[in-house]
Amino acid sequence: MRTVNTFATAFALVAMLATNNSFAQQQNTKNMKKHSETFMYEKDLPWEPAGQGAVRQIAGYNEQIMMVKVKFEKGGVGTPHKHKHTQVTYVASGTFEFTIGNEKKIVKAGDTLYMEPNVEHGCVCLEAGLLIDCFSPWRDDFLTTNGQ
């Protein structure tokens, strides 16, 4: 019986590695909450570092969607990056120079941006402000770094 359990465990580990997921990442994902609280109050939500001159606060989420607030100081940088998630960003305040793919534009409060999956994007904050990012599916990497 022990040999069967050992074989099953080894098989499961190989299967996880074959799908490019580490065992630790799988364990972290299993232990994450599958959704946020129903009511969340800004004063109770932690802010965490999100790059040079920026902090983020995870608002609401489930496995299909996530909303994150990102507060920037003037001169703050959203380092160019790409990810598998679809992203829509609303500029709540401030002024930003955004680069999405090969396009670079200035956006201000009230403007919205759309980012396709796997397209490089980043920004520089020209006037201190707040972005509201929505992701689909959720950014499980944000939850594992935030200890959610």
N, C-alpha and C. Protein backbone atom coordinates (compact mmCIF):
# COMPACT_ATOMS: atom_id res chain seq x y z
N MET A 1 0.83 -1.20 0.00
CA MET A 1 0.00 0.00 0.00
C MET A 1 0.87 1.25 0.00
N ARG A 2 1.96 1.24 0.77
CA ARG A 2 2.84 2.40 0.84
C ARG A 2 3.47 2.68 -0.53
N THR A 3 3.80 1.65 -1.28
CA THR A 3 4.38 1.81 -2.61
C THR A 3 3.40 2.49 -3.54
N VAL A 4 2.13 2.16 -3.46
CA VAL A 4 1.10 2.78 -4.29
C VAL A 4 1.00 4.26 -3.96
N ASN A 5 0.98 4.62 -2.67
CA ASN A 5 0.89 6.03 -2.27
C ASN A 5 2.13 6.79 -2.72
N THR A 6 3.31 6.19 -2.60
CA THR A 6 4.55 6.84 -3.03
C THR A 6 4.52 7.06 -4.54
N PHE A 7 4.07 6.05 -5.28
CA PHE A 7 3.96 6.18 -6.74
C PHE A 7 2.97 7.28 -7.10
N ALA A 8 1.82 7.31 -6.43
CA ALA A 8 0.79 8.33 -6.72
C ALA A 8 1.34 9.72 -6.43
N THR A 9 2.07 9.87 -5.33
CA THR A 9 2.65 11.17 -4.98
C THR A 9 3.69 11.58 -6.02
N ALA A 10 4.55 10.64 -6.41
CA ALA A 10 5.57 10.94 -7.43
C ALA A 10 4.93 11.30 -8.75
N PHE A 11 3.89 10.57 -9.14
CA PHE A 11 3.18 10.84 -10.39
C PHE A 11 2.57 12.23 -10.36
N ALA A 12 1.94 12.60 -9.23
CA ALA A 12 1.32 13.92 -9.10
C ALA A 12 2.37 15.02 -9.22
N LEU A 13 3.54 14.81 -8.61
CA LEU A 13 4.61 15.80 -8.68
C LEU A 13 5.11 15.96 -10.11
N VAL A 14 5.31 14.86 -10.83
CA VAL A 14 5.75 14.92 -12.22
C VAL A 14 4.69 15.62 -13.08
N ALA A 15 3.43 15.34 -12.84
CA ALA A 15 2.36 15.98 -13.60
C ALA A 15 2.37 17.49 -13.39
N MET A 16 2.57 17.93 -12.15
CA MET A 16 2.63 19.37 -11.87
C MET A 16 3.81 20.01 -12.58
N LEU A 17 4.97 19.35 -12.53
CA LEU A 17 6.15 19.91 -13.19
C LEU A 17 5.96 19.96 -14.70
N ALA A 18 5.28 18.99 -15.24
CA ALA A 18 5.04 18.94 -16.68
C ALA A 18 4.17 20.08 -17.15
N THR A 19 3.34 20.63 -16.28
CA THR A 19 2.49 21.76 -16.65
C THR A 19 3.11 23.09 -16.24
N ASN A 20 4.43 23.07 -15.97
CA ASN A 20 5.19 24.28 -15.63
C ASN A 20 4.71 24.96 -14.36
N ASN A 21 4.16 24.21 -13.41
CA ASN A 21 3.77 24.75 -12.11
C ASN A 21 4.62 24.10 -11.05
N SER A 22 5.27 24.89 -10.22
CA SER A 22 6.06 24.32 -9.14
C SER A 22 5.14 23.81 -8.05
N PHE A 23 5.64 22.84 -7.29
CA PHE A 23 4.86 22.27 -6.19
C PHE A 23 4.51 23.36 -5.18
N ALA A 24 5.48 24.23 -4.86
CA ALA A 24 5.23 25.30 -3.89
C ALA A 24 4.14 26.24 -4.38
N GLN A 25 4.16 26.58 -5.69
CA GLN A 25 3.13 27.47 -6.23
C GLN A 25 1.77 26.80 -6.13
N GLN A 26 1.72 25.50 -6.42
CA GLN A 26 0.46 24.78 -6.31
C GLN A 26 -0.05 24.82 -4.87
N GLN A 27 0.84 24.62 -3.90
CA GLN A 27 0.43 24.64 -2.50
C GLN A 27 -0.06 26.03 -2.12
N ASN A 28 0.66 27.08 -2.56
CA ASN A 28 0.23 28.45 -2.26
C ASN A 28 -1.14 28.72 -2.84
N THR A 29 -1.38 28.28 -4.08
CA THR A 29 -2.67 28.51 -4.72
C THR A 29 -3.78 27.77 -3.98
N LYS A 30 -3.49 26.55 -3.53
CA LYS A 30 -4.49 25.79 -2.78
C LYS A 30 -4.87 26.49 -1.50
N ASN A 31 -3.89 27.13 -0.86
CA ASN A 31 -4.13 27.76 0.44
C ASN A 31 -4.69 29.17 0.33
N MET A 32 -4.74 29.75 -0.89
CA MET A 32 -5.28 31.09 -1.06
C MET A 32 -6.79 31.09 -0.90
N LYS A 33 -7.29 32.20 -0.40
CA LYS A 33 -8.73 32.36 -0.36
C LYS A 33 -9.23 32.44 -1.79
N LYS A 34 -10.36 31.85 -2.08
CA LYS A 34 -10.90 31.81 -3.44
C LYS A 34 -11.64 33.09 -3.82
N HIS A 35 -11.88 33.95 -2.85
CA HIS A 35 -12.48 35.25 -3.13
C HIS A 35 -12.24 36.18 -1.95
N SER A 36 -12.39 37.45 -2.22
CA SER A 36 -12.20 38.45 -1.17
C SER A 36 -13.42 38.48 -0.26
N GLU A 37 -13.32 39.30 0.75
CA GLU A 37 -14.48 39.54 1.61
C GLU A 37 -15.56 40.23 0.78
N THR A 38 -16.79 40.18 1.23
CA THR A 38 -17.88 40.84 0.51
C THR A 38 -17.78 42.36 0.66
N PHE A 39 -17.52 42.82 1.86
CA PHE A 39 -17.34 44.26 2.11
C PHE A 39 -15.89 44.47 2.54
N MET A 40 -15.23 45.44 1.89
CA MET A 40 -13.85 45.76 2.23
C MET A 40 -13.75 47.25 2.45
N TYR A 41 -13.07 47.62 3.54
CA TYR A 41 -12.92 49.02 3.89
C TYR A 41 -11.47 49.44 3.69
N GLU A 42 -11.29 50.54 2.97
CA GLU A 42 -9.94 50.98 2.61
C GLU A 42 -9.01 51.03 3.81
N LYS A 43 -9.50 51.49 4.94
CA LYS A 43 -8.65 51.63 6.13
C LYS A 43 -8.13 50.28 6.63
N ASP A 44 -8.81 49.19 6.28
CA ASP A 44 -8.43 47.87 6.76
C ASP A 44 -7.57 47.09 5.76
N LEU A 45 -7.44 47.59 4.54
CA LEU A 45 -6.70 46.87 3.51
C LEU A 45 -5.24 47.33 3.48
N PRO A 46 -4.30 46.40 3.51
CA PRO A 46 -2.88 46.79 3.50
C PRO A 46 -2.43 47.32 2.14
N TRP A 47 -1.47 48.22 2.17
CA TRP A 47 -0.78 48.68 0.97
C TRP A 47 0.54 47.94 0.92
N GLU A 48 0.97 47.56 -0.26
CA GLU A 48 2.25 46.87 -0.41
C GLU A 48 3.05 47.52 -1.53
N PRO A 49 4.38 47.41 -1.50
CA PRO A 49 5.21 48.01 -2.55
C PRO A 49 4.83 47.45 -3.92
N ALA A 50 4.83 48.34 -4.92
CA ALA A 50 4.47 47.94 -6.28
C ALA A 50 5.44 48.55 -7.29
N GLY A 51 6.67 48.74 -6.89
CA GLY A 51 7.65 49.33 -7.80
C GLY A 51 8.14 50.66 -7.27
N GLN A 52 8.94 51.32 -8.07
CA GLN A 52 9.54 52.60 -7.69
C GLN A 52 8.47 53.68 -7.55
N GLY A 53 8.26 54.18 -6.32
CA GLY A 53 7.31 55.26 -6.09
C GLY A 53 5.86 54.85 -6.21
N ALA A 54 5.56 53.56 -5.99
CA ALA A 54 4.18 53.09 -6.12
C ALA A 54 3.86 52.05 -5.05
N VAL A 55 2.61 52.05 -4.61
CA VAL A 55 2.11 51.03 -3.70
C VAL A 55 0.76 50.56 -4.23
N ARG A 56 0.40 49.31 -3.91
CA ARG A 56 -0.88 48.78 -4.38
C ARG A 56 -1.69 48.24 -3.21
N GLN A 57 -2.99 48.24 -3.44
CA GLN A 57 -3.95 47.74 -2.46
C GLN A 57 -4.94 46.84 -3.20
N ILE A 58 -4.98 45.58 -2.82
CA ILE A 58 -5.89 44.65 -3.47
C ILE A 58 -7.28 44.90 -2.93
N ALA A 59 -8.22 45.13 -3.84
CA ALA A 59 -9.59 45.43 -3.42
C ALA A 59 -10.40 44.14 -3.45
N GLY A 60 -11.13 43.86 -4.49
CA GLY A 60 -11.97 42.66 -4.54
C GLY A 60 -11.48 41.68 -5.58
N TYR A 61 -11.76 40.40 -5.35
CA TYR A 61 -11.33 39.40 -6.33
C TYR A 61 -12.05 38.06 -6.14
N ASN A 62 -12.07 37.32 -7.23
CA ASN A 62 -12.30 35.88 -7.22
C ASN A 62 -11.41 35.34 -8.34
N GLU A 63 -11.53 34.09 -8.68
CA GLU A 63 -10.61 33.52 -9.67
C GLU A 63 -10.78 34.12 -11.06
N GLN A 64 -11.92 34.74 -11.36
CA GLN A 64 -12.17 35.29 -12.68
C GLN A 64 -11.81 36.77 -12.82
N ILE A 65 -11.78 37.51 -11.71
CA ILE A 65 -11.58 38.96 -11.80
C ILE A 65 -10.90 39.48 -10.54
N MET A 66 -10.18 40.58 -10.70
CA MET A 66 -9.52 41.22 -9.55
C MET A 66 -9.43 42.72 -9.80
N MET A 67 -9.67 43.50 -8.72
CA MET A 67 -9.50 44.94 -8.79
C MET A 67 -8.40 45.34 -7.80
N VAL A 68 -7.48 46.17 -8.29
CA VAL A 68 -6.33 46.60 -7.50
C VAL A 68 -6.16 48.11 -7.66
N LYS A 69 -5.96 48.80 -6.54
CA LYS A 69 -5.66 50.24 -6.60
C LYS A 69 -4.14 50.40 -6.54
N VAL A 70 -3.61 51.28 -7.39
CA VAL A 70 -2.17 51.53 -7.39
C VAL A 70 -1.96 53.03 -7.25
N LYS A 71 -1.31 53.41 -6.15
CA LYS A 71 -1.06 54.82 -5.86
C LYS A 71 0.38 55.15 -6.23
N PHE A 72 0.56 56.22 -7.02
CA PHE A 72 1.88 56.63 -7.50
C PHE A 72 2.25 58.00 -6.98
N GLU A 73 3.52 58.15 -6.61
CA GLU A 73 4.10 59.47 -6.35
C GLU A 73 4.54 60.03 -7.70
N LYS A 74 4.67 61.35 -7.78
CA LYS A 74 5.22 61.94 -9.01
C LYS A 74 6.58 61.32 -9.27
N GLY A 75 6.81 60.89 -10.51
CA GLY A 75 8.06 60.25 -10.89
C GLY A 75 8.07 58.74 -10.67
N GLY A 76 7.01 58.21 -10.04
CA GLY A 76 6.92 56.77 -9.83
C GLY A 76 6.86 56.04 -11.17
N VAL A 77 7.35 54.80 -11.16
CA VAL A 77 7.45 54.03 -12.40
C VAL A 77 6.72 52.70 -12.26
N GLY A 78 5.87 52.44 -13.23
CA GLY A 78 5.30 51.10 -13.41
C GLY A 78 6.20 50.42 -14.42
N THR A 79 7.16 49.64 -13.93
CA THR A 79 8.16 49.01 -14.79
C THR A 79 7.51 48.23 -15.92
N PRO A 80 7.99 48.40 -17.15
CA PRO A 80 7.41 47.65 -18.27
C PRO A 80 7.41 46.14 -17.99
N HIS A 81 6.27 45.52 -18.24
CA HIS A 81 6.09 44.09 -17.99
C HIS A 81 4.94 43.58 -18.84
N LYS A 82 4.77 42.28 -18.86
CA LYS A 82 3.62 41.69 -19.53
C LYS A 82 3.19 40.47 -18.72
N HIS A 83 1.94 40.09 -18.90
CA HIS A 83 1.38 38.96 -18.17
C HIS A 83 0.24 38.37 -18.96
N LYS A 84 -0.22 37.20 -18.53
CA LYS A 84 -1.27 36.46 -19.25
C LYS A 84 -2.66 37.05 -19.07
N HIS A 85 -2.80 38.04 -18.21
CA HIS A 85 -4.10 38.57 -17.86
C HIS A 85 -4.56 39.69 -18.80
N THR A 86 -5.86 39.76 -19.03
CA THR A 86 -6.44 40.93 -19.67
C THR A 86 -6.52 42.00 -18.59
N GLN A 87 -6.20 43.24 -18.94
CA GLN A 87 -6.19 44.32 -17.94
C GLN A 87 -6.90 45.55 -18.49
N VAL A 88 -7.73 46.14 -17.65
CA VAL A 88 -8.33 47.44 -17.93
C VAL A 88 -7.95 48.34 -16.76
N THR A 89 -7.46 49.54 -17.07
CA THR A 89 -7.03 50.48 -16.04
C THR A 89 -7.80 51.79 -16.18
N TYR A 90 -8.33 52.25 -15.05
CA TYR A 90 -9.02 53.54 -14.98
C TYR A 90 -8.12 54.51 -14.22
N VAL A 91 -7.91 55.69 -14.79
CA VAL A 91 -7.11 56.72 -14.13
C VAL A 91 -8.04 57.51 -13.22
N ALA A 92 -7.95 57.26 -11.92
CA ALA A 92 -8.82 57.93 -10.95
C ALA A 92 -8.32 59.35 -10.68
N SER A 93 -7.00 59.54 -10.67
CA SER A 93 -6.42 60.87 -10.47
C SER A 93 -4.99 60.86 -11.00
N GLY A 94 -4.46 62.06 -11.22
CA GLY A 94 -3.08 62.18 -11.67
C GLY A 94 -2.94 62.19 -13.18
N THR A 95 -1.68 62.22 -13.62
CA THR A 95 -1.32 62.20 -15.03
C THR A 95 -0.19 61.18 -15.22
N PHE A 96 -0.32 60.36 -16.26
CA PHE A 96 0.63 59.28 -16.49
C PHE A 96 1.02 59.22 -17.96
N GLU A 97 2.27 58.86 -18.22
CA GLU A 97 2.70 58.53 -19.57
C GLU A 97 2.73 57.01 -19.64
N PHE A 98 1.83 56.45 -20.43
CA PHE A 98 1.71 55.00 -20.57
C PHE A 98 2.30 54.54 -21.89
N THR A 99 2.97 53.42 -21.85
CA THR A 99 3.40 52.73 -23.06
C THR A 99 2.73 51.37 -23.06
N ILE A 100 1.99 51.10 -24.13
CA ILE A 100 1.34 49.81 -24.31
C ILE A 100 1.75 49.32 -25.69
N GLY A 101 2.48 48.21 -25.71
CA GLY A 101 3.03 47.74 -26.98
C GLY A 101 3.98 48.80 -27.52
N ASN A 102 3.72 49.28 -28.75
CA ASN A 102 4.56 50.30 -29.36
C ASN A 102 3.97 51.70 -29.26
N GLU A 103 2.84 51.85 -28.54
CA GLU A 103 2.19 53.16 -28.41
C GLU A 103 2.51 53.81 -27.08
N LYS A 104 2.79 55.11 -27.12
CA LYS A 104 3.06 55.88 -25.91
C LYS A 104 2.12 57.07 -25.90
N LYS A 105 1.33 57.22 -24.81
CA LYS A 105 0.37 58.33 -24.72
C LYS A 105 0.30 58.83 -23.28
N ILE A 106 -0.14 60.08 -23.16
CA ILE A 106 -0.38 60.70 -21.85
C ILE A 106 -1.86 60.54 -21.52
N VAL A 107 -2.13 60.08 -20.31
CA VAL A 107 -3.52 59.92 -19.85
C VAL A 107 -3.70 60.65 -18.53
N LYS A 108 -4.95 61.08 -18.30
CA LYS A 108 -5.28 61.85 -17.09
C LYS A 108 -6.53 61.29 -16.45
N ALA A 109 -6.87 61.86 -15.30
CA ALA A 109 -8.06 61.43 -14.56
C ALA A 109 -9.27 61.32 -15.49
N GLY A 110 -9.97 60.20 -15.37
CA GLY A 110 -11.15 59.94 -16.20
C GLY A 110 -10.87 59.09 -17.42
N ASP A 111 -9.59 58.95 -17.80
CA ASP A 111 -9.22 58.14 -18.96
C ASP A 111 -9.14 56.67 -18.58
N THR A 112 -9.26 55.81 -19.59
CA THR A 112 -9.20 54.36 -19.39
C THR A 112 -8.27 53.74 -20.41
N LEU A 113 -7.58 52.66 -20.01
CA LEU A 113 -6.66 51.95 -20.89
C LEU A 113 -7.03 50.47 -20.91
N TYR A 114 -6.79 49.83 -22.04
CA TYR A 114 -7.04 48.40 -22.20
C TYR A 114 -5.75 47.73 -22.63
N MET A 115 -5.37 46.65 -21.94
CA MET A 115 -4.17 45.92 -22.27
C MET A 115 -4.49 44.46 -22.57
N GLU A 116 -4.17 44.04 -23.78
CA GLU A 116 -4.33 42.63 -24.19
C GLU A 116 -3.38 41.76 -23.37
N PRO A 117 -3.69 40.49 -23.20
CA PRO A 117 -2.76 39.58 -22.55
C PRO A 117 -1.43 39.53 -23.31
N ASN A 118 -0.35 39.42 -22.56
CA ASN A 118 1.00 39.25 -23.10
C ASN A 118 1.52 40.41 -23.94
N VAL A 119 0.94 41.60 -23.77
CA VAL A 119 1.45 42.81 -24.43
C VAL A 119 2.19 43.63 -23.37
N GLU A 120 3.44 43.98 -23.67
CA GLU A 120 4.22 44.74 -22.69
C GLU A 120 3.60 46.12 -22.47
N HIS A 121 3.58 46.53 -21.21
CA HIS A 121 3.04 47.85 -20.85
C HIS A 121 3.73 48.35 -19.58
N GLY A 122 3.72 49.65 -19.41
CA GLY A 122 4.31 50.29 -18.24
C GLY A 122 3.96 51.76 -18.26
N CYS A 123 4.34 52.46 -17.18
CA CYS A 123 4.01 53.89 -17.12
C CYS A 123 5.01 54.65 -16.27
N VAL A 124 4.97 55.96 -16.44
CA VAL A 124 5.69 56.90 -15.59
C VAL A 124 4.65 57.89 -15.10
N CYS A 125 4.66 58.15 -13.79
CA CYS A 125 3.70 59.08 -13.21
C CYS A 125 4.23 60.51 -13.35
N LEU A 126 3.49 61.34 -14.07
CA LEU A 126 3.89 62.73 -14.30
C LEU A 126 3.32 63.66 -13.23
N GLU A 127 2.18 63.29 -12.66
CA GLU A 127 1.52 64.04 -11.58
C GLU A 127 0.92 62.99 -10.65
N ALA A 128 1.27 63.03 -9.36
CA ALA A 128 0.84 62.00 -8.40
C ALA A 128 -0.61 61.60 -8.65
N GLY A 129 -0.88 60.30 -8.57
CA GLY A 129 -2.22 59.85 -8.88
C GLY A 129 -2.52 58.42 -8.47
N LEU A 130 -3.71 58.01 -8.83
CA LEU A 130 -4.23 56.70 -8.46
C LEU A 130 -4.80 56.00 -9.69
N LEU A 131 -4.38 54.76 -9.90
CA LEU A 131 -4.92 53.93 -10.97
C LEU A 131 -5.76 52.82 -10.36
N ILE A 132 -6.84 52.47 -11.03
CA ILE A 132 -7.66 51.33 -10.65
C ILE A 132 -7.48 50.28 -11.74
N ASP A 133 -6.81 49.18 -11.40
CA ASP A 133 -6.55 48.10 -12.35
C ASP A 133 -7.56 46.98 -12.14
N CYS A 134 -8.10 46.47 -13.24
CA CYS A 134 -8.95 45.28 -13.19
C CYS A 134 -8.32 44.22 -14.06
N PHE A 135 -8.21 43.00 -13.52
CA PHE A 135 -7.56 41.89 -14.22
C PHE A 135 -8.53 40.73 -14.37
N SER A 136 -8.40 40.02 -15.48
CA SER A 136 -9.12 38.78 -15.67
C SER A 136 -8.19 37.79 -16.35
N PRO A 137 -7.97 36.59 -15.80
CA PRO A 137 -8.42 36.18 -14.47
C PRO A 137 -7.63 36.91 -13.39
N TRP A 138 -7.86 36.55 -12.13
CA TRP A 138 -7.19 37.19 -11.00
C TRP A 138 -5.68 37.07 -11.11
N ARG A 139 -4.97 37.98 -10.44
CA ARG A 139 -3.52 37.92 -10.35
C ARG A 139 -3.17 37.11 -9.10
N ASP A 140 -3.14 35.79 -9.23
CA ASP A 140 -2.83 34.96 -8.08
C ASP A 140 -1.43 35.25 -7.55
N ASP A 141 -0.54 35.76 -8.42
CA ASP A 141 0.79 36.14 -7.95
C ASP A 141 0.72 37.29 -6.96
N PHE A 142 -0.24 38.19 -7.09
CA PHE A 142 -0.41 39.26 -6.12
C PHE A 142 -0.85 38.70 -4.77
N LEU A 143 -1.66 37.69 -4.78
CA LEU A 143 -2.16 37.12 -3.53
C LEU A 143 -1.09 36.33 -2.80
N THR A 144 -0.24 35.64 -3.53
CA THR A 144 0.81 34.86 -2.86
C THR A 144 1.87 35.78 -2.30
N THR A 145 2.13 36.94 -2.92
CA THR A 145 3.14 37.87 -2.37
C THR A 145 2.54 38.67 -1.24
N ASN A 146 1.23 38.82 -1.21
CA ASN A 146 0.57 39.62 -0.19
C ASN A 146 0.12 38.77 1.01
N GLY A 147 0.27 37.46 0.91
CA GLY A 147 -0.10 36.60 2.01
C GLY A 147 -1.60 36.45 2.20
N GLN A 148 -2.39 36.72 1.16
CA GLN A 148 -3.85 36.61 1.26
C GLN A 148 -4.27 35.17 1.43
